[in-house]
Full PDB file with SEQRES, HELIX, SHEET, SSBOND, CRYST1, ORIGX, SCALE, CONECT and MASTER records, all heavy atoms in Angstrom:
SEQRES   1 A   42  THR VAL LEU GLU CYS MET PRO ASP THR ILE VAL VAL ALA          
SEQRES   2 A   42  ALA SER GLY MET ALA GLY ALA GLY SER PRO ASN GLU ILE          
SEQRES   3 A   42  ARG THR LYS ARG ILE SER LYS ARG PHE TYR LEU CYS GLY          
SEQRES   4 A   42  ASP PHE VAL                                                  
HELIX    1 AA1 VAL A    2  CYS A    5  1                                   4    
HELIX    2 AA2 PRO A   23  GLU A   25  5                                   3    
SHEET    1 AA1 3 VAL A  11  ALA A  14  0                                        
SHEET    2 AA1 3 PHE A  35  GLY A  39  1                                        
SHEET    3 AA1 3 ARG A  27  SER A  32 -1                                        
CRYST1    1.000    1.000    1.000  90.00  90.00  90.00 P 1           1          
ORIGX1      1.000000  0.000000  0.000000        0.00000                         
ORIGX2      0.000000  1.000000  0.000000        0.00000                         
ORIGX3      0.000000  0.000000  1.000000        0.00000                         
SCALE1      1.000000  0.000000  0.000000        0.00000                         
SCALE2      0.000000  1.000000  0.000000        0.00000                         
SCALE3      0.000000  0.000000  1.000000        0.00000                         
ATOM      1  N   THR A   1       7.328  -3.239  -7.915  1.00  0.00           N  
ATOM      2  CA  THR A   1       8.796  -3.044  -8.110  1.00  0.00           C  
ATOM      3  C   THR A   1       9.071  -2.478  -9.514  1.00  0.00           C  
ATOM      4  O   THR A   1       9.844  -1.516  -9.688  1.00  0.00           O  
ATOM      5  CB  THR A   1       9.555  -4.364  -7.955  1.00  0.00           C  
ATOM      6  OG1 THR A   1       9.411  -4.848  -6.643  1.00  0.00           O  
ATOM      7  CG2 THR A   1      11.064  -4.156  -8.206  1.00  0.00           C  
ATOM      8  N   VAL A   2       8.417  -3.048 -10.513  1.00  0.00           N  
ATOM      9  CA  VAL A   2       8.681  -2.566 -11.935  1.00  0.00           C  
ATOM     10  C   VAL A   2       8.186  -1.120 -12.055  1.00  0.00           C  
ATOM     11  O   VAL A   2       8.866  -0.252 -12.597  1.00  0.00           O  
ATOM     12  CB  VAL A   2       7.914  -3.448 -12.912  1.00  0.00           C  
ATOM     13  CG1 VAL A   2       8.055  -2.846 -14.342  1.00  0.00           C  
ATOM     14  CG2 VAL A   2       8.602  -4.798 -12.934  1.00  0.00           C  
ATOM     15  N   LEU A   3       6.969  -0.827 -11.505  1.00  0.00           N  
ATOM     16  CA  LEU A   3       6.408   0.562 -11.662  1.00  0.00           C  
ATOM     17  C   LEU A   3       7.194   1.578 -10.923  1.00  0.00           C  
ATOM     18  O   LEU A   3       7.394   2.708 -11.352  1.00  0.00           O  
ATOM     19  CB  LEU A   3       4.966   0.542 -11.174  1.00  0.00           C  
ATOM     20  CG  LEU A   3       3.927  -0.229 -12.028  1.00  0.00           C  
ATOM     21  CD1 LEU A   3       2.566  -0.127 -11.403  1.00  0.00           C  
ATOM     22  CD2 LEU A   3       3.930   0.286 -13.485  1.00  0.00           C  
ATOM     23  N   GLU A   4       7.802   1.161  -9.770  1.00  0.00           N  
ATOM     24  CA  GLU A   4       8.552   2.122  -8.970  1.00  0.00           C  
ATOM     25  C   GLU A   4      10.023   2.194  -9.386  1.00  0.00           C  
ATOM     26  O   GLU A   4      10.631   3.316  -9.289  1.00  0.00           O  
ATOM     27  CB  GLU A   4       8.501   1.679  -7.549  1.00  0.00           C  
ATOM     28  CG  GLU A   4       7.153   1.842  -6.878  1.00  0.00           C  
ATOM     29  CD  GLU A   4       7.028   1.239  -5.510  1.00  0.00           C  
ATOM     30  OE1 GLU A   4       8.078   0.841  -4.944  1.00  0.00           O  
ATOM     31  OE2 GLU A   4       5.932   1.140  -4.959  1.00  0.00           O  
ATOM     32  N   CYS A   5      10.584   1.131  -9.856  1.00  0.00           N  
ATOM     33  CA  CYS A   5      12.041   1.137 -10.045  1.00  0.00           C  
ATOM     34  C   CYS A   5      12.471   1.073 -11.549  1.00  0.00           C  
ATOM     35  O   CYS A   5      13.710   1.169 -11.821  1.00  0.00           O  
ATOM     36  CB  CYS A   5      12.713  -0.058  -9.348  1.00  0.00           C  
ATOM     37  SG  CYS A   5      12.328  -0.056  -7.532  1.00  0.00           S  
ATOM     38  N   MET A   6      11.532   0.822 -12.449  1.00  0.00           N  
ATOM     39  CA  MET A   6      11.826   0.688 -13.855  1.00  0.00           C  
ATOM     40  C   MET A   6      10.954   1.628 -14.620  1.00  0.00           C  
ATOM     41  O   MET A   6       9.943   1.226 -15.281  1.00  0.00           O  
ATOM     42  CB  MET A   6      11.721  -0.696 -14.369  1.00  0.00           C  
ATOM     43  CG  MET A   6      12.586  -1.741 -13.593  1.00  0.00           C  
ATOM     44  SD  MET A   6      12.306  -3.489 -14.035  1.00  0.00           S  
ATOM     45  CE  MET A   6      12.896  -3.527 -15.744  1.00  0.00           C  
ATOM     46  N   PRO A   7      11.177   2.946 -14.612  1.00  0.00           N  
ATOM     47  CA  PRO A   7      10.291   3.972 -15.090  1.00  0.00           C  
ATOM     48  C   PRO A   7       9.952   3.963 -16.583  1.00  0.00           C  
ATOM     49  O   PRO A   7       8.984   4.511 -17.063  1.00  0.00           O  
ATOM     50  CB  PRO A   7      11.006   5.251 -14.679  1.00  0.00           C  
ATOM     51  CG  PRO A   7      12.382   4.951 -14.543  1.00  0.00           C  
ATOM     52  CD  PRO A   7      12.399   3.544 -14.034  1.00  0.00           C  
ATOM     53  N   ASP A   8      10.789   3.219 -17.319  1.00  0.00           N  
ATOM     54  CA  ASP A   8      10.557   3.140 -18.773  1.00  0.00           C  
ATOM     55  C   ASP A   8       9.867   1.815 -19.233  1.00  0.00           C  
ATOM     56  O   ASP A   8       9.778   1.568 -20.453  1.00  0.00           O  
ATOM     57  CB  ASP A   8      11.887   3.317 -19.563  1.00  0.00           C  
ATOM     58  CG  ASP A   8      12.492   4.650 -19.321  1.00  0.00           C  
ATOM     59  OD1 ASP A   8      11.734   5.662 -19.206  1.00  0.00           O  
ATOM     60  OD2 ASP A   8      13.702   4.701 -19.154  1.00  0.00           O  
ATOM     61  N   THR A   9       9.525   1.033 -18.243  1.00  0.00           N  
ATOM     62  CA  THR A   9       8.988  -0.325 -18.549  1.00  0.00           C  
ATOM     63  C   THR A   9       7.505  -0.435 -18.266  1.00  0.00           C  
ATOM     64  O   THR A   9       7.009   0.127 -17.256  1.00  0.00           O  
ATOM     65  CB  THR A   9       9.777  -1.367 -17.707  1.00  0.00           C  
ATOM     66  OG1 THR A   9      11.152  -1.223 -17.957  1.00  0.00           O  
ATOM     67  CG2 THR A   9       9.298  -2.828 -18.048  1.00  0.00           C  
ATOM     68  N   ILE A  10       6.806  -1.111 -19.073  1.00  0.00           N  
ATOM     69  CA  ILE A  10       5.341  -1.317 -19.009  1.00  0.00           C  
ATOM     70  C   ILE A  10       5.139  -2.698 -18.390  1.00  0.00           C  
ATOM     71  O   ILE A  10       5.844  -3.678 -18.659  1.00  0.00           O  
ATOM     72  CB  ILE A  10       4.653  -1.200 -20.375  1.00  0.00           C  
ATOM     73  CG1 ILE A  10       4.703   0.271 -20.818  1.00  0.00           C  
ATOM     74  CG2 ILE A  10       3.232  -1.721 -20.357  1.00  0.00           C  
ATOM     75  CD1 ILE A  10       4.268   0.511 -22.247  1.00  0.00           C  
ATOM     76  N   VAL A  11       4.049  -2.805 -17.581  1.00  0.00           N  
ATOM     77  CA  VAL A  11       3.720  -4.108 -16.912  1.00  0.00           C  
ATOM     78  C   VAL A  11       2.382  -4.627 -17.447  1.00  0.00           C  
ATOM     79  O   VAL A  11       1.383  -3.825 -17.477  1.00  0.00           O  
ATOM     80  CB  VAL A  11       3.652  -3.995 -15.383  1.00  0.00           C  
ATOM     81  CG1 VAL A  11       3.402  -5.390 -14.798  1.00  0.00           C  
ATOM     82  CG2 VAL A  11       4.902  -3.362 -14.829  1.00  0.00           C  
ATOM     83  N   VAL A  12       2.375  -5.821 -17.826  1.00  0.00           N  
ATOM     84  CA  VAL A  12       1.069  -6.504 -18.254  1.00  0.00           C  
ATOM     85  C   VAL A  12       0.885  -7.671 -17.268  1.00  0.00           C  
ATOM     86  O   VAL A  12       1.589  -8.640 -17.252  1.00  0.00           O  
ATOM     87  CB  VAL A  12       1.109  -6.989 -19.663  1.00  0.00           C  
ATOM     88  CG1 VAL A  12      -0.286  -7.639 -20.045  1.00  0.00           C  
ATOM     89  CG2 VAL A  12       1.382  -5.813 -20.647  1.00  0.00           C  
ATOM     90  N   ALA A  13      -0.114  -7.529 -16.374  1.00  0.00           N  
ATOM     91  CA  ALA A  13      -0.331  -8.543 -15.249  1.00  0.00           C  
ATOM     92  C   ALA A  13      -1.661  -9.262 -15.483  1.00  0.00           C  
ATOM     93  O   ALA A  13      -2.451  -8.886 -16.365  1.00  0.00           O  
ATOM     94  CB  ALA A  13      -0.283  -7.846 -13.908  1.00  0.00           C  
ATOM     95  N   ALA A  14      -1.870 -10.259 -14.611  1.00  0.00           N  
ATOM     96  CA  ALA A  14      -3.087 -11.049 -14.686  1.00  0.00           C  
ATOM     97  C   ALA A  14      -3.729 -11.181 -13.361  1.00  0.00           C  
ATOM     98  O   ALA A  14      -3.058 -11.226 -12.329  1.00  0.00           O  
ATOM     99  CB  ALA A  14      -2.765 -12.411 -15.248  1.00  0.00           C  
ATOM    100  N   SER A  15      -5.093 -11.266 -13.326  1.00  0.00           N  
ATOM    101  CA  SER A  15      -5.829 -11.440 -12.113  1.00  0.00           C  
ATOM    102  C   SER A  15      -7.202 -12.061 -12.460  1.00  0.00           C  
ATOM    103  O   SER A  15      -8.068 -11.491 -13.005  1.00  0.00           O  
ATOM    104  CB  SER A  15      -6.108 -10.112 -11.387  1.00  0.00           C  
ATOM    105  OG  SER A  15      -6.874 -10.274 -10.256  1.00  0.00           O  
ATOM    106  N   GLY A  16      -7.298 -13.388 -12.058  1.00  0.00           N  
ATOM    107  CA  GLY A  16      -8.540 -14.078 -12.220  1.00  0.00           C  
ATOM    108  C   GLY A  16      -8.751 -14.779 -13.534  1.00  0.00           C  
ATOM    109  O   GLY A  16      -9.081 -14.112 -14.554  1.00  0.00           O  
ATOM    110  N   MET A  17      -8.459 -16.097 -13.565  1.00  0.00           N  
ATOM    111  CA  MET A  17      -8.739 -16.861 -14.790  1.00  0.00           C  
ATOM    112  C   MET A  17      -9.092 -18.309 -14.495  1.00  0.00           C  
ATOM    113  O   MET A  17      -9.199 -19.155 -15.338  1.00  0.00           O  
ATOM    114  CB  MET A  17      -7.495 -16.851 -15.740  1.00  0.00           C  
ATOM    115  CG  MET A  17      -6.320 -17.693 -15.354  1.00  0.00           C  
ATOM    116  SD  MET A  17      -5.386 -17.266 -13.911  1.00  0.00           S  
ATOM    117  CE  MET A  17      -4.848 -15.631 -14.246  1.00  0.00           C  
ATOM    118  N   ALA A  18      -9.308 -18.566 -13.183  1.00  0.00           N  
ATOM    119  CA  ALA A  18      -9.637 -19.945 -12.795  1.00  0.00           C  
ATOM    120  C   ALA A  18     -11.159 -20.229 -13.053  1.00  0.00           C  
ATOM    121  O   ALA A  18     -11.919 -19.384 -13.311  1.00  0.00           O  
ATOM    122  CB  ALA A  18      -9.315 -20.068 -11.300  1.00  0.00           C  
ATOM    123  N   GLY A  19     -11.481 -21.515 -12.882  1.00  0.00           N  
ATOM    124  CA  GLY A  19     -12.895 -21.962 -12.961  1.00  0.00           C  
ATOM    125  C   GLY A  19     -13.377 -22.093 -14.397  1.00  0.00           C  
ATOM    126  O   GLY A  19     -12.656 -21.886 -15.404  1.00  0.00           O  
ATOM    127  N   ALA A  20     -14.665 -22.435 -14.536  1.00  0.00           N  
ATOM    128  CA  ALA A  20     -15.293 -22.701 -15.816  1.00  0.00           C  
ATOM    129  C   ALA A  20     -16.261 -21.600 -16.178  1.00  0.00           C  
ATOM    130  O   ALA A  20     -17.225 -21.793 -16.899  1.00  0.00           O  
ATOM    131  CB  ALA A  20     -16.027 -24.006 -15.710  1.00  0.00           C  
ATOM    132  N   GLY A  21     -15.961 -20.369 -15.751  1.00  0.00           N  
ATOM    133  CA  GLY A  21     -16.812 -19.241 -16.050  1.00  0.00           C  
ATOM    134  C   GLY A  21     -16.767 -18.885 -17.567  1.00  0.00           C  
ATOM    135  O   GLY A  21     -15.953 -19.434 -18.273  1.00  0.00           O  
ATOM    136  N   SER A  22     -17.576 -17.918 -17.954  1.00  0.00           N  
ATOM    137  CA  SER A  22     -17.673 -17.571 -19.323  1.00  0.00           C  
ATOM    138  C   SER A  22     -16.304 -17.072 -19.895  1.00  0.00           C  
ATOM    139  O   SER A  22     -15.653 -16.254 -19.170  1.00  0.00           O  
ATOM    140  CB  SER A  22     -18.767 -16.488 -19.522  1.00  0.00           C  
ATOM    141  OG  SER A  22     -18.696 -15.997 -20.854  1.00  0.00           O  
ATOM    142  N   PRO A  23     -15.958 -17.495 -21.060  1.00  0.00           N  
ATOM    143  CA  PRO A  23     -14.741 -16.888 -21.636  1.00  0.00           C  
ATOM    144  C   PRO A  23     -14.833 -15.380 -21.872  1.00  0.00           C  
ATOM    145  O   PRO A  23     -13.831 -14.705 -21.873  1.00  0.00           O  
ATOM    146  CB  PRO A  23     -14.578 -17.609 -22.970  1.00  0.00           C  
ATOM    147  CG  PRO A  23     -15.957 -18.098 -23.288  1.00  0.00           C  
ATOM    148  CD  PRO A  23     -16.622 -18.405 -21.941  1.00  0.00           C  
ATOM    149  N   ASN A  24     -16.039 -14.874 -22.026  1.00  0.00           N  
ATOM    150  CA  ASN A  24     -16.254 -13.453 -22.288  1.00  0.00           C  
ATOM    151  C   ASN A  24     -16.045 -12.607 -21.022  1.00  0.00           C  
ATOM    152  O   ASN A  24     -15.996 -11.393 -21.126  1.00  0.00           O  
ATOM    153  CB  ASN A  24     -17.693 -13.222 -22.790  1.00  0.00           C  
ATOM    154  CG  ASN A  24     -17.943 -13.900 -24.088  1.00  0.00           C  
ATOM    155  OD1 ASN A  24     -17.013 -14.024 -24.947  1.00  0.00           O  
ATOM    156  ND2 ASN A  24     -19.127 -14.364 -24.334  1.00  0.00           N  
ATOM    157  N   GLU A  25     -15.800 -13.272 -19.897  1.00  0.00           N  
ATOM    158  CA  GLU A  25     -15.475 -12.508 -18.682  1.00  0.00           C  
ATOM    159  C   GLU A  25     -14.031 -12.136 -18.631  1.00  0.00           C  
ATOM    160  O   GLU A  25     -13.603 -11.259 -17.829  1.00  0.00           O  
ATOM    161  CB  GLU A  25     -15.855 -13.364 -17.425  1.00  0.00           C  
ATOM    162  CG  GLU A  25     -17.351 -13.600 -17.245  1.00  0.00           C  
ATOM    163  CD  GLU A  25     -17.657 -14.606 -16.151  1.00  0.00           C  
ATOM    164  OE1 GLU A  25     -16.750 -15.189 -15.619  1.00  0.00           O  
ATOM    165  OE2 GLU A  25     -18.819 -14.713 -15.837  1.00  0.00           O  
ATOM    166  N   ILE A  26     -13.166 -12.819 -19.428  1.00  0.00           N  
ATOM    167  CA  ILE A  26     -11.761 -12.464 -19.477  1.00  0.00           C  
ATOM    168  C   ILE A  26     -11.610 -11.211 -20.356  1.00  0.00           C  
ATOM    169  O   ILE A  26     -12.089 -11.192 -21.516  1.00  0.00           O  
ATOM    170  CB  ILE A  26     -10.926 -13.622 -20.061  1.00  0.00           C  
ATOM    171  CG1 ILE A  26     -11.143 -14.891 -19.322  1.00  0.00           C  
ATOM    172  CG2 ILE A  26      -9.505 -13.301 -20.126  1.00  0.00           C  
ATOM    173  CD1 ILE A  26     -10.588 -14.888 -17.910  1.00  0.00           C  
ATOM    174  N   ARG A  27     -11.002 -10.222 -19.803  1.00  0.00           N  
ATOM    175  CA  ARG A  27     -10.855  -8.902 -20.551  1.00  0.00           C  
ATOM    176  C   ARG A  27      -9.557  -8.236 -20.083  1.00  0.00           C  
ATOM    177  O   ARG A  27      -8.839  -8.699 -19.179  1.00  0.00           O  
ATOM    178  CB  ARG A  27     -12.091  -8.031 -20.234  1.00  0.00           C  
ATOM    179  CG  ARG A  27     -12.360  -7.758 -18.835  1.00  0.00           C  
ATOM    180  CD  ARG A  27     -13.844  -7.235 -18.641  1.00  0.00           C  
ATOM    181  NE  ARG A  27     -14.032  -6.695 -17.274  1.00  0.00           N  
ATOM    182  CZ  ARG A  27     -14.302  -7.535 -16.248  1.00  0.00           C  
ATOM    183  NH1 ARG A  27     -14.380  -8.834 -16.378  1.00  0.00           N  
ATOM    184  NH2 ARG A  27     -14.531  -7.051 -15.081  1.00  0.00           N  
ATOM    185  N   THR A  28      -9.290  -7.099 -20.690  1.00  0.00           N  
ATOM    186  CA  THR A  28      -8.096  -6.308 -20.390  1.00  0.00           C  
ATOM    187  C   THR A  28      -8.438  -4.906 -20.032  1.00  0.00           C  
ATOM    188  O   THR A  28      -9.327  -4.293 -20.678  1.00  0.00           O  
ATOM    189  CB  THR A  28      -7.142  -6.347 -21.633  1.00  0.00           C  
ATOM    190  OG1 THR A  28      -6.829  -7.656 -21.985  1.00  0.00           O  
ATOM    191  CG2 THR A  28      -5.878  -5.533 -21.323  1.00  0.00           C  
ATOM    192  N   LYS A  29      -7.822  -4.437 -18.985  1.00  0.00           N  
ATOM    193  CA  LYS A  29      -8.021  -3.041 -18.521  1.00  0.00           C  
ATOM    194  C   LYS A  29      -6.719  -2.293 -18.500  1.00  0.00           C  
ATOM    195  O   LYS A  29      -5.699  -2.925 -18.023  1.00  0.00           O  
ATOM    196  CB  LYS A  29      -8.657  -2.945 -17.137  1.00  0.00           C  
ATOM    197  CG  LYS A  29     -10.155  -3.301 -17.074  1.00  0.00           C  
ATOM    198  CD  LYS A  29     -10.635  -3.040 -15.651  1.00  0.00           C  
ATOM    199  CE  LYS A  29     -12.129  -3.354 -15.513  1.00  0.00           C  
ATOM    200  NZ  LYS A  29     -12.629  -3.073 -14.148  1.00  0.00           N  
ATOM    201  N   ARG A  30      -6.718  -1.025 -18.873  1.00  0.00           N  
ATOM    202  CA  ARG A  30      -5.475  -0.210 -18.655  1.00  0.00           C  
ATOM    203  C   ARG A  30      -5.664   0.493 -17.322  1.00  0.00           C  
ATOM    204  O   ARG A  30      -6.543   1.373 -17.234  1.00  0.00           O  
ATOM    205  CB  ARG A  30      -5.345   0.824 -19.823  1.00  0.00           C  
ATOM    206  CG  ARG A  30      -4.022   1.514 -19.734  1.00  0.00           C  
ATOM    207  CD  ARG A  30      -3.914   2.586 -20.836  1.00  0.00           C  
ATOM    208  NE  ARG A  30      -2.546   3.145 -20.906  1.00  0.00           N  
ATOM    209  CZ  ARG A  30      -2.176   4.183 -21.648  1.00  0.00           C  
ATOM    210  NH1 ARG A  30      -3.042   4.666 -22.454  1.00  0.00           N  
ATOM    211  NH2 ARG A  30      -0.954   4.587 -21.623  1.00  0.00           N  
ATOM    212  N   ILE A  31      -4.893   0.101 -16.327  1.00  0.00           N  
ATOM    213  CA  ILE A  31      -5.031   0.598 -15.002  1.00  0.00           C  
ATOM    214  C   ILE A  31      -4.395   1.971 -14.881  1.00  0.00           C  
ATOM    215  O   ILE A  31      -4.904   2.893 -14.223  1.00  0.00           O  
ATOM    216  CB  ILE A  31      -4.417  -0.376 -13.957  1.00  0.00           C  
ATOM    217  CG1 ILE A  31      -5.095  -1.772 -14.165  1.00  0.00           C  
ATOM    218  CG2 ILE A  31      -4.674   0.145 -12.555  1.00  0.00           C  
ATOM    219  CD1 ILE A  31      -6.552  -1.842 -13.929  1.00  0.00           C  
ATOM    220  N   SER A  32      -3.276   2.078 -15.490  1.00  0.00           N  
ATOM    221  CA  SER A  32      -2.525   3.398 -15.465  1.00  0.00           C  
ATOM    222  C   SER A  32      -1.664   3.550 -16.739  1.00  0.00           C  
ATOM    223  O   SER A  32      -1.733   2.569 -17.597  1.00  0.00           O  
ATOM    224  CB  SER A  32      -1.625   3.507 -14.207  1.00  0.00           C  
ATOM    225  OG  SER A  32      -0.568   2.543 -14.233  1.00  0.00           O  
ATOM    226  N   LYS A  33      -0.855   4.439 -16.913  1.00  0.00           N  
ATOM    227  CA  LYS A  33      -0.139   4.705 -18.085  1.00  0.00           C  
ATOM    228  C   LYS A  33       0.783   3.545 -18.428  1.00  0.00           C  
ATOM    229  O   LYS A  33       0.932   3.223 -19.622  1.00  0.00           O  
ATOM    230  CB  LYS A  33       0.683   6.014 -17.992  1.00  0.00           C  
ATOM    231  CG  LYS A  33       1.479   6.356 -19.224  1.00  0.00           C  
ATOM    232  CD  LYS A  33       2.226   7.686 -19.029  1.00  0.00           C  
ATOM    233  CE  LYS A  33       3.017   8.048 -20.248  1.00  0.00           C  
ATOM    234  NZ  LYS A  33       3.725   9.373 -20.011  1.00  0.00           N  
ATOM    235  N   ARG A  34       1.308   2.862 -17.408  1.00  0.00           N  
ATOM    236  CA  ARG A  34       2.267   1.767 -17.639  1.00  0.00           C  
ATOM    237  C   ARG A  34       1.805   0.460 -17.098  1.00  0.00           C  
ATOM    238  O   ARG A  34       2.652  -0.479 -16.913  1.00  0.00           O  
ATOM    239  CB  ARG A  34       3.684   2.181 -17.024  1.00  0.00           C  
ATOM    240  CG  ARG A  34       4.279   3.360 -17.647  1.00  0.00           C  
ATOM    241  CD  ARG A  34       5.749   3.527 -17.244  1.00  0.00           C  
ATOM    242  NE  ARG A  34       5.900   3.830 -15.861  1.00  0.00           N  
ATOM    243  CZ  ARG A  34       6.536   2.997 -14.988  1.00  0.00           C  
ATOM    244  NH1 ARG A  34       7.012   1.803 -15.360  1.00  0.00           N  
ATOM    245  NH2 ARG A  34       6.647   3.347 -13.725  1.00  0.00           N  
ATOM    246  N   PHE A  35       0.566   0.325 -16.805  1.00  0.00           N  
ATOM    247  CA  PHE A  35       0.072  -0.899 -16.155  1.00  0.00           C  
ATOM    248  C   PHE A  35      -1.253  -1.389 -16.735  1.00  0.00           C  
ATOM    249  O   PHE A  35      -2.273  -0.660 -16.710  1.00  0.00           O  
ATOM    250  CB  PHE A  35      -0.123  -0.601 -14.646  1.00  0.00           C  
ATOM    251  CG  PHE A  35      -0.559  -1.740 -13.821  1.00  0.00           C  
ATOM    252  CD1 PHE A  35      -0.333  -3.107 -14.230  1.00  0.00           C  
ATOM    253  CD2 PHE A  35      -1.336  -1.575 -12.705  1.00  0.00           C  
ATOM    254  CE1 PHE A  35      -0.726  -4.187 -13.362  1.00  0.00           C  
ATOM    255  CE2 PHE A  35      -1.792  -2.640 -11.873  1.00  0.00           C  
ATOM    256  CZ  PHE A  35      -1.535  -3.912 -12.254  1.00  0.00           C  
ATOM    257  N   TYR A  36      -1.227  -2.621 -17.284  1.00  0.00           N  
ATOM    258  CA  TYR A  36      -2.368  -3.269 -17.859  1.00  0.00           C  
ATOM    259  C   TYR A  36      -2.710  -4.506 -17.048  1.00  0.00           C  
ATOM    260  O   TYR A  36      -1.740  -5.227 -16.577  1.00  0.00           O  
ATOM    261  CB  TYR A  36      -2.159  -3.678 -19.310  1.00  0.00           C  
ATOM    262  CG  TYR A  36      -1.965  -2.535 -20.268  1.00  0.00           C  
ATOM    263  CD1 TYR A  36      -0.753  -1.839 -20.337  1.00  0.00           C  
ATOM    264  CD2 TYR A  36      -2.989  -2.097 -21.056  1.00  0.00           C  
ATOM    265  CE1 TYR A  36      -0.553  -0.803 -21.207  1.00  0.00           C  
ATOM    266  CE2 TYR A  36      -2.828  -0.985 -21.923  1.00  0.00           C  
ATOM    267  CZ  TYR A  36      -1.588  -0.355 -21.991  1.00  0.00           C  
ATOM    268  OH  TYR A  36      -1.373   0.659 -22.839  1.00  0.00           O  
ATOM    269  N   LEU A  37      -3.922  -4.861 -16.875  1.00  0.00           N  
ATOM    270  CA  LEU A  37      -4.420  -6.045 -16.124  1.00  0.00           C  
ATOM    271  C   LEU A  37      -5.388  -6.848 -16.958  1.00  0.00           C  
ATOM    272  O   LEU A  37      -6.391  -6.323 -17.523  1.00  0.00           O  
ATOM    273  CB  LEU A  37      -5.025  -5.562 -14.808  1.00  0.00           C  
ATOM    274  CG  LEU A  37      -5.314  -6.674 -13.783  1.00  0.00           C  
ATOM    275  CD1 LEU A  37      -3.992  -7.314 -13.344  1.00  0.00           C  
ATOM    276  CD2 LEU A  37      -6.025  -6.050 -12.537  1.00  0.00           C  
ATOM    277  N   CYS A  38      -5.105  -8.163 -17.022  1.00  0.00           N  
ATOM    278  CA  CYS A  38      -5.986  -9.037 -17.813  1.00  0.00           C  
ATOM    279  C   CYS A  38      -6.527 -10.135 -16.939  1.00  0.00           C  
ATOM    280  O   CYS A  38      -5.887 -10.598 -15.972  1.00  0.00           O  
ATOM    281  CB  CYS A  38      -5.078  -9.720 -18.896  1.00  0.00           C  
ATOM    282  SG  CYS A  38      -4.189  -8.640 -19.981  1.00  0.00           S  
ATOM    283  N   GLY A  39      -7.787 -10.557 -17.244  1.00  0.00           N  
ATOM    284  CA  GLY A  39      -8.479 -11.600 -16.429  1.00  0.00           C  
ATOM    285  C   GLY A  39      -9.904 -11.240 -16.212  1.00  0.00           C  
ATOM    286  O   GLY A  39     -10.477 -10.328 -16.809  1.00  0.00           O  
ATOM    287  N   ASP A  40     -10.466 -11.974 -15.242  1.00  0.00           N  
ATOM    288  CA  ASP A  40     -11.915 -11.575 -14.850  1.00  0.00           C  
ATOM    289  C   ASP A  40     -11.849 -10.733 -13.570  1.00  0.00           C  
ATOM    290  O   ASP A  40     -12.857 -10.274 -13.136  1.00  0.00           O  
ATOM    291  CB  ASP A  40     -12.788 -12.770 -14.747  1.00  0.00           C  
ATOM    292  CG  ASP A  40     -12.381 -13.748 -13.592  1.00  0.00           C  
ATOM    293  OD1 ASP A  40     -11.626 -13.330 -12.661  1.00  0.00           O  
ATOM    294  OD2 ASP A  40     -12.854 -14.886 -13.543  1.00  0.00           O  
ATOM    295  N   PHE A  41     -10.616 -10.591 -12.963  1.00  0.00           N  
ATOM    296  CA  PHE A  41     -10.349  -9.744 -11.792  1.00  0.00           C  
ATOM    297  C   PHE A  41     -11.068 -10.234 -10.561  1.00  0.00           C  
ATOM    298  O   PHE A  41     -11.077  -9.533  -9.560  1.00  0.00           O  
ATOM    299  CB  PHE A  41     -10.779  -8.299 -12.089  1.00  0.00           C  
ATOM    300  CG  PHE A  41     -10.373  -7.745 -13.416  1.00  0.00           C  
ATOM    301  CD1 PHE A  41     -11.296  -7.185 -14.320  1.00  0.00           C  
ATOM    302  CD2 PHE A  41      -9.062  -7.986 -13.916  1.00  0.00           C  
ATOM    303  CE1 PHE A  41     -10.928  -6.712 -15.581  1.00  0.00           C  
ATOM    304  CE2 PHE A  41      -8.738  -7.558 -15.187  1.00  0.00           C  
ATOM    305  CZ  PHE A  41      -9.602  -6.896 -15.975  1.00  0.00           C  
ATOM    306  N   VAL A  42     -11.598 -11.470 -10.571  1.00  0.00           N  
ATOM    307  CA  VAL A  42     -12.332 -11.956  -9.432  1.00  0.00           C  
ATOM    308  C   VAL A  42     -11.927 -13.334  -9.016  1.00  0.00           C  
ATOM    309  O   VAL A  42     -11.595 -13.617  -7.839  1.00  0.00           O  
ATOM    310  CB  VAL A  42     -13.925 -11.977  -9.757  1.00  0.00           C  
ATOM    311  CG1 VAL A  42     -14.644 -12.620  -8.605  1.00  0.00           C  
ATOM    312  CG2 VAL A  42     -14.379 -10.551 -10.030  1.00  0.00           C  
TER     313      VAL A  42                                                      
MASTER        0    0    0    2    3    0    0    6  312    1    0    4          
END                                                                             
């Protein structure tokens, strides 16, 4: 919704932070010009 309807707004989202996995697995990726994703993605 934000990417499609709010063209001047950037989104920072999360995917995957559960469990007792290594803290070093948490990272940030720039998916597109206005979209960032944080987590282990899994």
